[in-house]
Amino acid sequence: MSRISQHFSRAEFRCKCGQCGFDTVDVDTLSILESVRNHFDSAVVVNSGCRCPEYNRRVGGAPNSQHTLGRAADIRVVGVEPTDVYAWLADNFPGASLGSYDSFTHVDSRTDGPARW
């Protein structure tokens, strides 16, 4: 397993299309996720990381999704409510773009942000 940071491997971010192999995550996004891991002292599960354009269309992603640039991750922190993850990120990473969902939190490091939803 190829580690790209203390707590994450490249495979965790790999596109789930099963063909393209896209797995290059932005260093700023990775740094934010490491901070989440360290703050909550709990595993961070990457539900969706990198997406090739075809896979992004297949799953209904936004046409200009940050996932297609390797700048986004949809995450779940084990034992922590997504609303708590969102709130902590909003307080500690005001430049990050965030999305709040029932079962996960979206975080990205877009350059034209931050976007919030």
N, C-alpha and C. Protein backbone atom coordinates (compact mmCIF):
# COMPACT_ATOMS: atom_id res chain seq x y z
N MET A 1 0.84 -1.17 0.00
CA MET A 1 0.00 0.00 0.00
C MET A 1 0.89 1.24 0.00
N SER A 2 0.67 2.11 -0.93
CA SER A 2 1.49 3.30 -1.11
C SER A 2 0.94 4.46 -0.27
N ARG A 3 1.64 4.78 0.81
CA ARG A 3 1.21 5.88 1.69
C ARG A 3 1.58 7.21 1.04
N ILE A 4 0.65 8.16 1.09
CA ILE A 4 0.94 9.50 0.58
C ILE A 4 0.93 10.52 1.71
N SER A 5 0.56 10.07 2.90
CA SER A 5 0.63 10.89 4.11
C SER A 5 0.62 9.93 5.30
N GLN A 6 0.64 10.48 6.49
CA GLN A 6 0.69 9.64 7.68
C GLN A 6 -0.48 8.66 7.77
N HIS A 7 -1.69 9.10 7.40
CA HIS A 7 -2.87 8.27 7.60
C HIS A 7 -3.57 7.82 6.32
N PHE A 8 -3.10 8.22 5.17
CA PHE A 8 -3.81 7.92 3.93
C PHE A 8 -2.91 7.24 2.89
N SER A 9 -3.54 6.37 2.13
CA SER A 9 -2.85 5.72 1.01
C SER A 9 -3.45 6.23 -0.29
N ARG A 10 -2.69 6.15 -1.34
CA ARG A 10 -3.15 6.57 -2.66
C ARG A 10 -4.41 5.82 -3.08
N ALA A 11 -4.48 4.54 -2.74
CA ALA A 11 -5.62 3.70 -3.14
C ALA A 11 -6.94 4.22 -2.60
N GLU A 12 -6.93 4.88 -1.46
CA GLU A 12 -8.17 5.40 -0.88
C GLU A 12 -8.82 6.47 -1.75
N PHE A 13 -8.04 7.11 -2.60
CA PHE A 13 -8.54 8.20 -3.44
C PHE A 13 -8.80 7.76 -4.88
N ARG A 14 -8.42 6.55 -5.23
CA ARG A 14 -8.51 6.06 -6.60
C ARG A 14 -9.95 6.11 -7.13
N CYS A 15 -10.09 6.52 -8.38
CA CYS A 15 -11.40 6.55 -9.05
C CYS A 15 -12.02 5.16 -9.01
N LYS A 16 -13.29 5.12 -8.72
CA LYS A 16 -13.98 3.84 -8.57
C LYS A 16 -14.51 3.27 -9.90
N CYS A 17 -14.12 3.87 -11.02
CA CYS A 17 -14.55 3.33 -12.32
C CYS A 17 -13.92 1.98 -12.58
N GLY A 18 -12.78 1.73 -11.93
CA GLY A 18 -12.10 0.44 -12.09
C GLY A 18 -11.23 0.33 -13.33
N GLN A 19 -11.11 1.41 -14.08
CA GLN A 19 -10.34 1.34 -15.32
C GLN A 19 -9.26 2.41 -15.45
N CYS A 20 -9.56 3.63 -15.07
CA CYS A 20 -8.66 4.74 -15.38
C CYS A 20 -7.43 4.82 -14.48
N GLY A 21 -7.56 4.42 -13.22
CA GLY A 21 -6.43 4.48 -12.29
C GLY A 21 -6.14 5.85 -11.72
N PHE A 22 -7.00 6.84 -11.98
CA PHE A 22 -6.78 8.20 -11.49
C PHE A 22 -6.78 8.20 -9.96
N ASP A 23 -5.66 8.61 -9.37
CA ASP A 23 -5.53 8.57 -7.91
C ASP A 23 -4.65 9.69 -7.35
N THR A 24 -4.50 10.76 -8.09
CA THR A 24 -3.63 11.86 -7.67
C THR A 24 -4.45 12.91 -6.93
N VAL A 25 -4.24 12.99 -5.63
CA VAL A 25 -5.01 13.92 -4.80
C VAL A 25 -4.19 15.18 -4.53
N ASP A 26 -4.86 16.31 -4.52
CA ASP A 26 -4.23 17.61 -4.26
C ASP A 26 -3.64 17.65 -2.85
N VAL A 27 -2.46 18.22 -2.73
CA VAL A 27 -1.77 18.26 -1.45
C VAL A 27 -2.55 19.08 -0.41
N ASP A 28 -3.25 20.13 -0.83
CA ASP A 28 -4.03 20.93 0.13
C ASP A 28 -5.22 20.14 0.66
N THR A 29 -5.89 19.39 -0.20
CA THR A 29 -7.00 18.54 0.24
C THR A 29 -6.48 17.49 1.21
N LEU A 30 -5.38 16.87 0.87
CA LEU A 30 -4.79 15.85 1.73
C LEU A 30 -4.42 16.42 3.09
N SER A 31 -3.88 17.61 3.12
CA SER A 31 -3.51 18.26 4.37
C SER A 31 -4.74 18.51 5.25
N ILE A 32 -5.83 18.94 4.65
CA ILE A 32 -7.08 19.15 5.39
C ILE A 32 -7.55 17.84 6.00
N LEU A 33 -7.52 16.77 5.22
CA LEU A 33 -7.98 15.47 5.71
C LEU A 33 -7.09 14.95 6.84
N GLU A 34 -5.79 15.20 6.77
CA GLU A 34 -4.90 14.82 7.87
C GLU A 34 -5.28 15.58 9.14
N SER A 35 -5.61 16.85 9.00
CA SER A 35 -6.03 17.64 10.15
C SER A 35 -7.32 17.11 10.76
N VAL A 36 -8.26 16.69 9.90
CA VAL A 36 -9.51 16.09 10.39
C VAL A 36 -9.19 14.83 11.19
N ARG A 37 -8.34 13.99 10.62
CA ARG A 37 -7.96 12.73 11.28
C ARG A 37 -7.33 12.99 12.64
N ASN A 38 -6.42 13.94 12.69
CA ASN A 38 -5.73 14.24 13.94
C ASN A 38 -6.65 14.89 14.96
N HIS A 39 -7.51 15.79 14.53
CA HIS A 39 -8.41 16.46 15.46
C HIS A 39 -9.40 15.49 16.11
N PHE A 40 -10.06 14.68 15.30
CA PHE A 40 -11.08 13.77 15.83
C PHE A 40 -10.49 12.47 16.36
N ASP A 41 -9.21 12.24 16.09
CA ASP A 41 -8.52 11.01 16.52
C ASP A 41 -9.33 9.77 16.17
N SER A 42 -9.80 9.77 14.92
CA SER A 42 -10.63 8.66 14.44
C SER A 42 -10.38 8.50 12.94
N ALA A 43 -10.60 7.28 12.46
CA ALA A 43 -10.38 7.00 11.04
C ALA A 43 -11.27 7.87 10.16
N VAL A 44 -10.69 8.32 9.06
CA VAL A 44 -11.41 9.07 8.04
C VAL A 44 -11.57 8.16 6.84
N VAL A 45 -12.81 7.88 6.48
CA VAL A 45 -13.10 7.01 5.34
C VAL A 45 -13.39 7.90 4.13
N VAL A 46 -12.66 7.67 3.04
CA VAL A 46 -12.88 8.43 1.81
C VAL A 46 -13.92 7.66 0.99
N ASN A 47 -15.14 8.17 0.99
CA ASN A 47 -16.21 7.54 0.22
C ASN A 47 -16.00 7.74 -1.27
N SER A 48 -15.56 8.93 -1.63
CA SER A 48 -15.30 9.27 -3.03
C SER A 48 -14.18 10.29 -3.08
N GLY A 49 -13.16 9.99 -3.84
CA GLY A 49 -12.03 10.90 -4.00
C GLY A 49 -11.94 11.34 -5.45
N CYS A 50 -10.93 10.83 -6.13
CA CYS A 50 -10.73 11.18 -7.54
C CYS A 50 -11.80 10.51 -8.41
N ARG A 51 -12.22 11.25 -9.43
CA ARG A 51 -13.19 10.71 -10.39
C ARG A 51 -12.77 11.12 -11.80
N CYS A 52 -12.69 10.16 -12.69
CA CYS A 52 -12.47 10.52 -14.09
C CYS A 52 -13.79 11.14 -14.59
N PRO A 53 -13.73 11.94 -15.66
CA PRO A 53 -14.96 12.59 -16.14
C PRO A 53 -16.09 11.61 -16.45
N GLU A 54 -15.77 10.46 -17.00
CA GLU A 54 -16.82 9.48 -17.31
C GLU A 54 -17.50 8.95 -16.06
N TYR A 55 -16.71 8.60 -15.06
CA TYR A 55 -17.29 8.10 -13.82
C TYR A 55 -18.08 9.21 -13.11
N ASN A 56 -17.55 10.43 -13.14
CA ASN A 56 -18.25 11.55 -12.53
C ASN A 56 -19.64 11.73 -13.14
N ARG A 57 -19.74 11.63 -14.47
CA ARG A 57 -21.05 11.72 -15.14
C ARG A 57 -21.94 10.57 -14.71
N ARG A 58 -21.37 9.37 -14.63
CA ARG A 58 -22.15 8.18 -14.28
C ARG A 58 -22.77 8.30 -12.90
N VAL A 59 -22.07 8.93 -11.96
CA VAL A 59 -22.61 9.04 -10.60
C VAL A 59 -23.39 10.33 -10.38
N GLY A 60 -23.55 11.13 -11.44
CA GLY A 60 -24.33 12.35 -11.33
C GLY A 60 -23.59 13.51 -10.72
N GLY A 61 -22.25 13.49 -10.79
CA GLY A 61 -21.46 14.59 -10.26
C GLY A 61 -21.62 15.86 -11.07
N ALA A 62 -21.33 16.97 -10.46
CA ALA A 62 -21.40 18.27 -11.16
C ALA A 62 -20.44 18.26 -12.35
N PRO A 63 -20.82 18.90 -13.44
CA PRO A 63 -19.97 18.90 -14.64
C PRO A 63 -18.54 19.37 -14.40
N ASN A 64 -18.34 20.34 -13.53
CA ASN A 64 -17.00 20.85 -13.23
C ASN A 64 -16.56 20.44 -11.83
N SER A 65 -16.91 19.23 -11.44
CA SER A 65 -16.63 18.73 -10.09
C SER A 65 -15.14 18.78 -9.76
N GLN A 66 -14.86 19.20 -8.55
CA GLN A 66 -13.48 19.21 -8.06
C GLN A 66 -12.92 17.79 -7.93
N HIS A 67 -13.80 16.81 -7.87
CA HIS A 67 -13.36 15.40 -7.84
C HIS A 67 -12.57 15.07 -9.10
N THR A 68 -12.95 15.66 -10.24
CA THR A 68 -12.27 15.35 -11.51
C THR A 68 -10.90 15.99 -11.58
N LEU A 69 -10.59 16.88 -10.64
CA LEU A 69 -9.28 17.52 -10.57
C LEU A 69 -8.42 16.96 -9.44
N GLY A 70 -8.97 15.99 -8.70
CA GLY A 70 -8.24 15.44 -7.56
C GLY A 70 -8.19 16.37 -6.37
N ARG A 71 -9.11 17.32 -6.32
CA ARG A 71 -9.13 18.32 -5.24
C ARG A 71 -10.23 18.10 -4.23
N ALA A 72 -11.01 17.04 -4.36
CA ALA A 72 -12.17 16.85 -3.49
C ALA A 72 -12.21 15.45 -2.90
N ALA A 73 -12.85 15.38 -1.75
CA ALA A 73 -13.11 14.08 -1.12
C ALA A 73 -14.43 14.16 -0.36
N ASP A 74 -15.21 13.12 -0.49
CA ASP A 74 -16.41 12.94 0.33
C ASP A 74 -15.99 12.00 1.43
N ILE A 75 -16.09 12.45 2.67
CA ILE A 75 -15.53 11.69 3.79
C ILE A 75 -16.56 11.40 4.87
N ARG A 76 -16.24 10.35 5.62
CA ARG A 76 -16.98 10.00 6.82
C ARG A 76 -15.94 9.77 7.90
N VAL A 77 -16.14 10.40 9.05
CA VAL A 77 -15.24 10.19 10.18
C VAL A 77 -15.92 9.20 11.11
N VAL A 78 -15.27 8.09 11.36
CA VAL A 78 -15.85 7.02 12.16
C VAL A 78 -16.22 7.54 13.56
N GLY A 79 -17.51 7.38 13.91
CA GLY A 79 -17.99 7.77 15.23
C GLY A 79 -18.30 9.24 15.39
N VAL A 80 -18.25 10.01 14.31
CA VAL A 80 -18.49 11.46 14.39
C VAL A 80 -19.59 11.82 13.40
N GLU A 81 -20.55 12.62 13.84
CA GLU A 81 -21.64 13.06 12.97
C GLU A 81 -21.11 13.98 11.87
N PRO A 82 -21.59 13.81 10.64
CA PRO A 82 -21.14 14.68 9.55
C PRO A 82 -21.34 16.17 9.85
N THR A 83 -22.38 16.52 10.58
CA THR A 83 -22.59 17.94 10.92
C THR A 83 -21.47 18.47 11.82
N ASP A 84 -20.95 17.61 12.69
CA ASP A 84 -19.84 18.01 13.55
C ASP A 84 -18.55 18.17 12.75
N VAL A 85 -18.35 17.29 11.78
CA VAL A 85 -17.17 17.40 10.91
C VAL A 85 -17.25 18.70 10.11
N TYR A 86 -18.41 18.96 9.52
CA TYR A 86 -18.62 20.18 8.74
C TYR A 86 -18.34 21.42 9.59
N ALA A 87 -18.91 21.47 10.78
CA ALA A 87 -18.76 22.64 11.67
C ALA A 87 -17.29 22.86 12.02
N TRP A 88 -16.57 21.78 12.34
CA TRP A 88 -15.16 21.92 12.69
C TRP A 88 -14.35 22.41 11.48
N LEU A 89 -14.63 21.86 10.32
CA LEU A 89 -13.93 22.30 9.11
C LEU A 89 -14.23 23.77 8.81
N ALA A 90 -15.49 24.17 8.93
CA ALA A 90 -15.86 25.56 8.66
C ALA A 90 -15.14 26.53 9.60
N ASP A 91 -14.99 26.14 10.85
CA ASP A 91 -14.31 26.98 11.83
C ASP A 91 -12.80 27.03 11.62
N ASN A 92 -12.22 25.94 11.17
CA ASN A 92 -10.77 25.81 11.11
C ASN A 92 -10.16 25.94 9.72
N PHE A 93 -10.97 25.82 8.69
CA PHE A 93 -10.50 25.94 7.31
C PHE A 93 -11.45 26.83 6.52
N PRO A 94 -11.45 28.13 6.82
CA PRO A 94 -12.41 29.03 6.17
C PRO A 94 -12.23 29.12 4.65
N GLY A 95 -11.09 28.75 4.14
CA GLY A 95 -10.86 28.78 2.70
C GLY A 95 -11.26 27.52 1.98
N ALA A 96 -11.62 26.48 2.72
CA ALA A 96 -12.02 25.20 2.12
C ALA A 96 -13.47 25.27 1.67
N SER A 97 -13.76 24.55 0.61
CA SER A 97 -15.15 24.42 0.16
C SER A 97 -15.74 23.18 0.81
N LEU A 98 -16.98 23.32 1.32
CA LEU A 98 -17.60 22.25 2.11
C LEU A 98 -19.03 22.00 1.68
N GLY A 99 -19.41 20.74 1.74
CA GLY A 99 -20.78 20.35 1.49
C GLY A 99 -21.25 19.45 2.62
N SER A 100 -22.46 19.68 3.10
CA SER A 100 -23.02 18.90 4.20
C SER A 100 -24.09 17.95 3.68
N TYR A 101 -23.92 16.68 3.98
CA TYR A 101 -24.85 15.64 3.56
C TYR A 101 -25.21 14.80 4.78
N ASP A 102 -26.26 14.01 4.68
CA ASP A 102 -26.72 13.20 5.82
C ASP A 102 -25.66 12.23 6.32
N SER A 103 -24.93 11.61 5.40
CA SER A 103 -24.02 10.55 5.82
C SER A 103 -22.54 10.84 5.56
N PHE A 104 -22.23 12.01 5.02
CA PHE A 104 -20.83 12.34 4.77
C PHE A 104 -20.65 13.86 4.65
N THR A 105 -19.40 14.27 4.60
CA THR A 105 -19.03 15.66 4.40
C THR A 105 -18.15 15.76 3.16
N HIS A 106 -18.45 16.72 2.31
CA HIS A 106 -17.62 16.98 1.14
C HIS A 106 -16.63 18.07 1.51
N VAL A 107 -15.38 17.90 1.13
CA VAL A 107 -14.37 18.93 1.33
C VAL A 107 -13.53 19.03 0.06
N ASP A 108 -13.24 20.27 -0.35
CA ASP A 108 -12.34 20.44 -1.49
C ASP A 108 -11.54 21.72 -1.36
N SER A 109 -10.48 21.78 -2.16
CA SER A 109 -9.53 22.88 -2.09
C SER A 109 -9.54 23.71 -3.38
N ARG A 110 -10.72 23.93 -3.94
CA ARG A 110 -10.83 24.69 -5.18
C ARG A 110 -10.18 26.07 -5.03
N THR A 111 -9.70 26.58 -6.13
CA THR A 111 -9.01 27.88 -6.10
C THR A 111 -9.99 29.04 -6.20
N ASP A 112 -11.21 28.81 -6.65
CA ASP A 112 -12.19 29.89 -6.78
C ASP A 112 -13.24 29.85 -5.67
N GLY A 113 -12.85 29.31 -4.53
CA GLY A 113 -13.79 29.15 -3.43
C GLY A 113 -13.62 30.23 -2.39
N PRO A 114 -14.17 30.01 -1.24
CA PRO A 114 -14.82 28.77 -0.88
C PRO A 114 -16.30 28.73 -1.30
N ALA A 115 -16.76 27.54 -1.54
CA ALA A 115 -18.18 27.29 -1.79
C ALA A 115 -18.70 26.54 -0.57
N ARG A 116 -19.94 26.80 -0.22
CA ARG A 116 -20.55 26.12 0.92
C ARG A 116 -21.97 25.69 0.55
N TRP A 117 -22.30 24.48 0.92
CA TRP A 117 -23.66 23.98 0.76
C TRP A 117 -23.96 22.91 1.78
